[in-house]
Amino acid sequence: MDQSSQIVKTVAAGLLALTAALPAQAQVVGADSRVFVLEPLSLLNVGSLSFGDISASAAAGTVVVDPDSGTRAVSGGVAALGGTVSAARFLGTGTANSNVAIIREPQGFITVTRSGGTETMTVDDFTVEGGNGARQIRSDRVLDFKIGGTLNVGPNQAEGTYLGTFEVIVDYR
């Protein structure tokens, strides 16, 4: 063994002995802890999505309810005949000035079925008033929004009242 190799081993052994002889030292550091408790959200459906009275023909068509204006537009083989037209309306409460996300579930379409029958239509392209689901709860703690959608009417759609359900999720962000 050469002398430089012996020196390295001796220095290494000395450092190991020195490390073993030093007492362990713990470091104590403080940290703040904070939490903001939000008021639980409440949400009620206070108005249904209603496409009004329509007439179907041999051609398919659509009925669109706009949540911003509450108006409807028809296309294709559908004629508007009056009746009640409205976007679905929701009211809720929560912590003032909190941000929320409004999510319509399930994504995609829902099926509406003729009362007393088996005939169906679909509703899709649900839209939240204002163009997106991002909202801030008002300073008076009120959350108020509307949802519209598109009814897809088949050719020679059977007459009757069609009913269906969709869900809305409001999530604090």
Protein backbone atom coordinates (compact mmCIF):
# COMPACT_ATOMS: atom_id res chain seq x y z
CA MET A 1 0.00 0.00 0.00
CA ASP A 2 1.43 3.38 -0.93
CA GLN A 3 1.69 6.24 1.51
CA SER A 4 -1.00 8.48 -0.11
CA SER A 5 -3.50 5.65 0.09
CA GLN A 6 -2.67 5.15 3.79
CA ILE A 7 -3.15 8.89 4.48
CA VAL A 8 -6.60 8.89 2.81
CA LYS A 9 -7.67 5.89 4.92
CA THR A 10 -6.39 7.51 8.10
CA VAL A 11 -8.13 10.85 7.36
CA ALA A 12 -11.36 9.01 6.47
CA ALA A 13 -11.24 7.00 9.69
CA GLY A 14 -10.58 10.17 11.68
CA LEU A 15 -13.57 11.98 10.09
CA LEU A 16 -15.79 8.97 10.78
CA ALA A 17 -14.70 8.94 14.44
CA LEU A 18 -15.24 12.70 14.68
CA THR A 19 -18.73 12.43 13.17
CA ALA A 20 -19.69 9.65 15.56
CA ALA A 21 -18.47 11.70 18.53
CA LEU A 22 -20.54 14.82 17.70
CA PRO A 23 -23.97 14.96 19.35
CA ALA A 24 -27.00 15.09 17.05
CA GLN A 25 -28.59 18.50 16.77
CA ALA A 26 -32.24 19.03 15.92
CA GLN A 27 -33.49 22.14 14.18
CA VAL A 28 -36.83 23.58 15.23
CA VAL A 29 -38.63 25.91 12.83
CA GLY A 30 -42.09 27.34 13.35
CA ALA A 31 -44.78 27.60 10.68
CA ASP A 32 -48.12 29.37 10.59
CA SER A 33 -51.30 27.44 10.10
CA ARG A 34 -54.36 29.06 8.53
CA VAL A 35 -57.77 27.94 7.36
CA PHE A 36 -60.77 29.76 5.95
CA VAL A 37 -64.08 28.06 6.57
CA LEU A 38 -66.62 28.59 3.78
CA GLU A 39 -70.33 28.66 4.37
CA PRO A 40 -71.91 25.51 2.92
CA LEU A 41 -73.43 26.10 -0.50
CA SER A 42 -77.16 25.82 -0.90
CA LEU A 43 -78.81 25.53 -4.30
CA LEU A 44 -82.43 25.38 -5.42
CA ASN A 45 -83.99 24.98 -8.85
CA VAL A 46 -86.58 27.77 -9.04
CA GLY A 47 -87.50 27.49 -12.72
CA SER A 48 -87.56 24.73 -15.33
CA LEU A 49 -85.99 24.71 -18.77
CA SER A 50 -89.08 25.03 -20.96
CA PHE A 51 -89.02 24.98 -24.76
CA GLY A 52 -92.65 26.07 -25.06
CA ASP A 53 -95.23 24.69 -27.48
CA ILE A 54 -93.98 23.55 -30.87
CA SER A 55 -95.18 21.76 -33.98
CA ALA A 56 -93.11 19.06 -35.66
CA SER A 57 -93.14 18.21 -39.37
CA ALA A 58 -91.62 15.56 -41.63
CA ALA A 59 -88.25 17.29 -41.25
CA ALA A 60 -86.10 17.22 -38.10
CA GLY A 61 -85.36 20.48 -36.34
CA THR A 62 -84.21 22.15 -33.17
CA VAL A 63 -85.46 24.51 -30.49
CA VAL A 64 -82.81 26.57 -28.69
CA VAL A 65 -83.46 28.44 -25.43
CA ASP A 66 -80.90 31.17 -24.76
CA PRO A 67 -80.15 31.56 -21.02
CA ASP A 68 -79.09 35.21 -21.39
CA SER A 69 -82.26 36.47 -23.07
CA GLY A 70 -84.72 33.69 -22.19
CA THR A 71 -85.83 33.59 -25.82
CA ARG A 72 -86.06 30.63 -28.16
CA ALA A 73 -85.08 30.07 -31.75
CA VAL A 74 -86.43 27.26 -33.95
CA SER A 75 -84.90 25.69 -37.04
CA GLY A 76 -85.56 22.94 -39.55
CA GLY A 77 -89.03 21.42 -39.52
CA VAL A 78 -90.05 22.96 -36.17
CA ALA A 79 -92.57 25.78 -35.78
CA ALA A 80 -92.92 27.82 -32.57
CA LEU A 81 -96.54 27.96 -31.34
CA GLY A 82 -96.33 29.92 -28.10
CA GLY A 83 -96.47 28.53 -24.58
CA THR A 84 -94.05 29.18 -21.77
CA VAL A 85 -90.42 29.55 -22.80
CA SER A 86 -87.74 29.86 -20.12
CA ALA A 87 -84.20 28.93 -19.22
CA ALA A 88 -83.78 26.85 -16.06
CA ARG A 89 -83.07 29.15 -13.11
CA PHE A 90 -81.11 28.35 -9.98
CA LEU A 91 -80.71 30.31 -6.75
CA GLY A 92 -78.30 29.57 -3.94
CA THR A 93 -76.29 31.03 -1.11
CA GLY A 94 -72.69 30.76 -0.06
CA THR A 95 -69.75 32.75 1.23
CA ALA A 96 -69.74 36.27 -0.22
CA ASN A 97 -67.26 36.92 -3.06
CA SER A 98 -66.24 33.25 -3.32
CA ASN A 99 -65.51 31.83 -6.75
CA VAL A 100 -67.59 28.89 -7.93
CA ALA A 101 -67.71 26.65 -10.99
CA ILE A 102 -71.09 25.62 -12.41
CA ILE A 103 -71.02 22.19 -14.02
CA ARG A 104 -73.94 20.53 -15.81
CA GLU A 105 -74.10 16.76 -15.40
CA PRO A 106 -74.07 14.38 -17.11
CA GLN A 107 -71.98 15.92 -19.86
CA GLY A 108 -73.36 15.49 -23.36
CA PHE A 109 -77.11 15.06 -23.78
CA ILE A 110 -80.13 14.04 -21.75
CA THR A 111 -83.21 12.22 -22.98
CA VAL A 112 -86.72 13.56 -22.53
CA THR A 113 -89.56 11.03 -22.76
CA ARG A 114 -93.18 11.57 -23.76
CA SER A 115 -95.46 11.40 -20.72
CA GLY A 116 -97.56 8.22 -21.03
CA GLY A 117 -95.44 6.96 -23.93
CA THR A 118 -92.02 5.75 -24.98
CA GLU A 119 -91.14 8.37 -27.62
CA THR A 120 -88.04 10.42 -26.87
CA MET A 121 -86.07 13.49 -27.89
CA THR A 122 -82.66 14.68 -26.73
CA VAL A 123 -81.53 17.94 -25.17
CA ASP A 124 -77.88 18.97 -25.55
CA ASP A 125 -75.62 22.00 -25.92
CA PHE A 126 -76.49 23.20 -22.43
CA THR A 127 -75.22 26.73 -21.86
CA VAL A 128 -74.81 28.73 -18.67
CA GLU A 129 -75.91 32.35 -18.60
CA GLY A 130 -72.94 34.58 -19.38
CA GLY A 131 -71.19 31.99 -21.53
CA ASN A 132 -69.27 29.96 -18.96
CA GLY A 133 -69.66 28.32 -15.60
CA ALA A 134 -67.27 30.57 -13.68
CA ARG A 135 -69.05 32.80 -11.19
CA GLN A 136 -68.49 34.76 -8.04
CA ILE A 137 -71.07 34.67 -5.27
CA ARG A 138 -72.40 38.19 -4.85
CA SER A 139 -71.58 40.29 -1.79
CA ASP A 140 -75.12 39.70 -0.49
CA ARG A 141 -74.21 35.94 -0.51
CA VAL A 142 -76.60 35.12 -3.38
CA LEU A 143 -75.78 32.93 -6.37
CA ASP A 144 -78.25 33.33 -9.25
CA PHE A 145 -77.84 31.81 -12.73
CA LYS A 146 -79.75 30.32 -15.67
CA ILE A 147 -79.12 27.39 -18.02
CA GLY A 148 -80.45 27.00 -21.56
CA GLY A 149 -80.13 24.22 -24.09
CA THR A 150 -81.05 22.76 -27.47
CA LEU A 151 -84.00 20.40 -27.99
CA ASN A 152 -83.52 18.04 -30.95
CA VAL A 153 -86.91 17.30 -32.52
CA GLY A 154 -87.22 14.24 -34.76
CA PRO A 155 -89.21 14.08 -37.99
CA ASN A 156 -92.92 13.53 -37.29
CA GLN A 157 -92.26 13.69 -33.53
CA ALA A 158 -95.27 12.32 -31.60
CA GLU A 159 -97.36 14.98 -29.89
CA GLY A 160 -97.43 15.19 -26.11
CA THR A 161 -95.56 16.54 -23.12
CA TYR A 162 -91.94 15.43 -22.87
CA LEU A 163 -90.14 15.38 -19.53
CA GLY A 164 -86.54 14.86 -18.46
CA THR A 165 -84.07 15.84 -15.78
CA PHE A 166 -80.54 17.21 -15.71
CA GLU A 167 -78.27 17.95 -12.79
CA VAL A 168 -76.19 20.98 -11.92
CA ILE A 169 -73.14 20.91 -9.68
CA VAL A 170 -71.80 24.10 -8.10
CA ASP A 171 -68.28 23.76 -6.75
CA TYR A 172 -66.25 26.26 -4.69
CA ARG A 173 -62.98 27.14 -6.43
